[in-house]
Amino acid sequence: MAAPDIVLLTKADCHLCTEARAAVGRVTAALGIEWTERGIDGDPDLRDRFAEEIPVVLVNGVQRDFWKIDEQRLERTIRKVMEA
């Protein structure tokens, strides 16, 4: 099983981002995989694309969730990717 690339897109002063960090951290810790965080503030392309949806979770480059992260859905998604 290959570990998927999990990226949490965030921005400064975002209360939902704080909650999303915790949610993604719990899910990935339970699955024993790593994740990364990327801020959109310094990236005009990401800011233009995702500004209204932050925080956003990308799994292997595909947007899987935004605003309030559903931990059960994220875990199911990651497990499916890992099984593929």
C-alpha atoms as a PDB file:
ATOM      1  CA  MET A   1       0.000   0.000   0.000  1.00  0.00           C
ATOM      2  CA  ALA A   2       1.354   3.361  -1.005  1.00  0.00           C
ATOM      3  CA  ALA A   3       0.762   6.251   1.372  1.00  0.00           C
ATOM      4  CA  PRO A   4      -1.299   8.974  -0.279  1.00  0.00           C
ATOM      5  CA  ASP A   5      -0.193  12.598  -0.456  1.00  0.00           C
ATOM      6  CA  ILE A   6      -2.416  14.455   2.027  1.00  0.00           C
ATOM      7  CA  VAL A   7      -2.258  18.264   1.875  1.00  0.00           C
ATOM      8  CA  LEU A   8      -4.270  20.690   3.977  1.00  0.00           C
ATOM      9  CA  LEU A   9      -4.594  24.117   2.352  1.00  0.00           C
ATOM     10  CA  THR A  10      -4.980  26.914   4.908  1.00  0.00           C
ATOM     11  CA  LYS A  11      -4.792  30.674   5.267  1.00  0.00           C
ATOM     12  CA  ALA A  12      -3.903  33.064   8.060  1.00  0.00           C
ATOM     13  CA  ASP A  13      -6.485  33.974  10.703  1.00  0.00           C
ATOM     14  CA  CYS A  14      -8.759  31.060   9.819  1.00  0.00           C
ATOM     15  CA  HIS A  15     -10.629  29.479  12.727  1.00  0.00           C
ATOM     16  CA  LEU A  16     -11.822  26.611  10.532  1.00  0.00           C
ATOM     17  CA  CYS A  17      -8.192  25.889   9.631  1.00  0.00           C
ATOM     18  CA  THR A  18      -7.403  25.273  13.300  1.00  0.00           C
ATOM     19  CA  GLU A  19     -10.213  22.719  13.505  1.00  0.00           C
ATOM     20  CA  ALA A  20      -9.146  21.160  10.190  1.00  0.00           C
ATOM     21  CA  ARG A  21      -5.551  20.722  11.372  1.00  0.00           C
ATOM     22  CA  ALA A  22      -6.784  18.771  14.368  1.00  0.00           C
ATOM     23  CA  ALA A  23      -9.165  16.643  12.265  1.00  0.00           C
ATOM     24  CA  VAL A  24      -6.576  15.784   9.613  1.00  0.00           C
ATOM     25  CA  GLY A  25      -4.034  15.095  12.342  1.00  0.00           C
ATOM     26  CA  ARG A  26      -6.338  12.647  14.107  1.00  0.00           C
ATOM     27  CA  VAL A  27      -7.239  10.772  10.920  1.00  0.00           C
ATOM     28  CA  THR A  28      -3.703  10.499   9.596  1.00  0.00           C
ATOM     29  CA  ALA A  29      -2.285   9.530  13.003  1.00  0.00           C
ATOM     30  CA  ALA A  30      -4.838   6.721  13.266  1.00  0.00           C
ATOM     31  CA  LEU A  31      -3.772   5.488   9.816  1.00  0.00           C
ATOM     32  CA  GLY A  32      -0.057   5.927  10.494  1.00  0.00           C
ATOM     33  CA  ILE A  33       0.562   8.317   7.608  1.00  0.00           C
ATOM     34  CA  GLU A  34       1.999  11.808   7.240  1.00  0.00           C
ATOM     35  CA  TRP A  35       0.356  14.957   5.959  1.00  0.00           C
ATOM     36  CA  THR A  36       1.486  18.454   5.067  1.00  0.00           C
ATOM     37  CA  GLU A  37       0.028  21.917   5.345  1.00  0.00           C
ATOM     38  CA  ARG A  38       0.321  24.574   2.681  1.00  0.00           C
ATOM     39  CA  GLY A  39      -0.720  28.184   3.115  1.00  0.00           C
ATOM     40  CA  ILE A  40      -2.446  29.898   0.213  1.00  0.00           C
ATOM     41  CA  ASP A  41      -1.646  33.466   1.303  1.00  0.00           C
ATOM     42  CA  GLY A  42       1.633  33.614  -0.617  1.00  0.00           C
ATOM     43  CA  ASP A  43       0.431  31.704  -3.673  1.00  0.00           C
ATOM     44  CA  PRO A  44      -1.801  33.767  -6.006  1.00  0.00           C
ATOM     45  CA  ASP A  45      -2.925  30.713  -8.009  1.00  0.00           C
ATOM     46  CA  LEU A  46      -4.029  28.760  -4.935  1.00  0.00           C
ATOM     47  CA  ARG A  47      -5.581  31.865  -3.396  1.00  0.00           C
ATOM     48  CA  ASP A  48      -7.622  32.528  -6.556  1.00  0.00           C
ATOM     49  CA  ARG A  49      -8.737  28.909  -6.819  1.00  0.00           C
ATOM     50  CA  PHE A  50      -9.532  28.131  -3.176  1.00  0.00           C
ATOM     51  CA  ALA A  51     -10.037  31.431  -1.324  1.00  0.00           C
ATOM     52  CA  GLU A  52     -13.734  30.846  -0.629  1.00  0.00           C
ATOM     53  CA  GLU A  53     -13.348  27.179   0.352  1.00  0.00           C
ATOM     54  CA  ILE A  54     -10.473  27.212   2.849  1.00  0.00           C
ATOM     55  CA  PRO A  55      -9.565  24.969   4.551  1.00  0.00           C
ATOM     56  CA  VAL A  56      -9.306  22.369   1.788  1.00  0.00           C
ATOM     57  CA  VAL A  57      -8.033  18.796   2.000  1.00  0.00           C
ATOM     58  CA  LEU A  58      -6.332  17.384  -1.077  1.00  0.00           C
ATOM     59  CA  VAL A  59      -5.674  13.661  -1.402  1.00  0.00           C
ATOM     60  CA  ASN A  60      -3.198  12.930  -4.172  1.00  0.00           C
ATOM     61  CA  GLY A  61      -3.947  16.350  -5.620  1.00  0.00           C
ATOM     62  CA  VAL A  62      -7.738  15.901  -5.695  1.00  0.00           C
ATOM     63  CA  GLN A  63      -9.950  18.119  -3.549  1.00  0.00           C
ATOM     64  CA  ARG A  64     -11.768  15.848  -1.104  1.00  0.00           C
ATOM     65  CA  ASP A  65     -13.250  18.171   1.520  1.00  0.00           C
ATOM     66  CA  PHE A  66     -13.443  21.824   2.502  1.00  0.00           C
ATOM     67  CA  TRP A  67     -14.642  24.151   5.280  1.00  0.00           C
ATOM     68  CA  LYS A  68     -15.508  21.604   7.983  1.00  0.00           C
ATOM     69  CA  ILE A  69     -13.562  18.394   7.538  1.00  0.00           C
ATOM     70  CA  ASP A  70     -15.604  15.205   7.912  1.00  0.00           C
ATOM     71  CA  GLU A  71     -13.193  12.831   9.626  1.00  0.00           C
ATOM     72  CA  GLN A  72     -15.089   9.661   8.766  1.00  0.00           C
ATOM     73  CA  ARG A  73     -15.329  10.595   5.087  1.00  0.00           C
ATOM     74  CA  LEU A  74     -11.647  11.549   5.003  1.00  0.00           C
ATOM     75  CA  GLU A  75     -10.648   8.241   6.571  1.00  0.00           C
ATOM     76  CA  ARG A  76     -12.758   6.291   4.056  1.00  0.00           C
ATOM     77  CA  THR A  77     -11.244   8.255   1.182  1.00  0.00           C
ATOM     78  CA  ILE A  78      -7.695   7.677   2.373  1.00  0.00           C
ATOM     79  CA  ARG A  79      -8.310   3.966   2.926  1.00  0.00           C
ATOM     80  CA  LYS A  80      -9.704   3.600  -0.610  1.00  0.00           C
ATOM     81  CA  VAL A  81      -6.677   5.373  -2.066  1.00  0.00           C
ATOM     82  CA  MET A  82      -4.321   3.190  -0.038  1.00  0.00           C
ATOM     83  CA  GLU A  83      -6.061   0.027  -1.269  1.00  0.00           C
ATOM     84  CA  ALA A  84      -5.887   1.016  -4.933  1.00  0.00           C
END
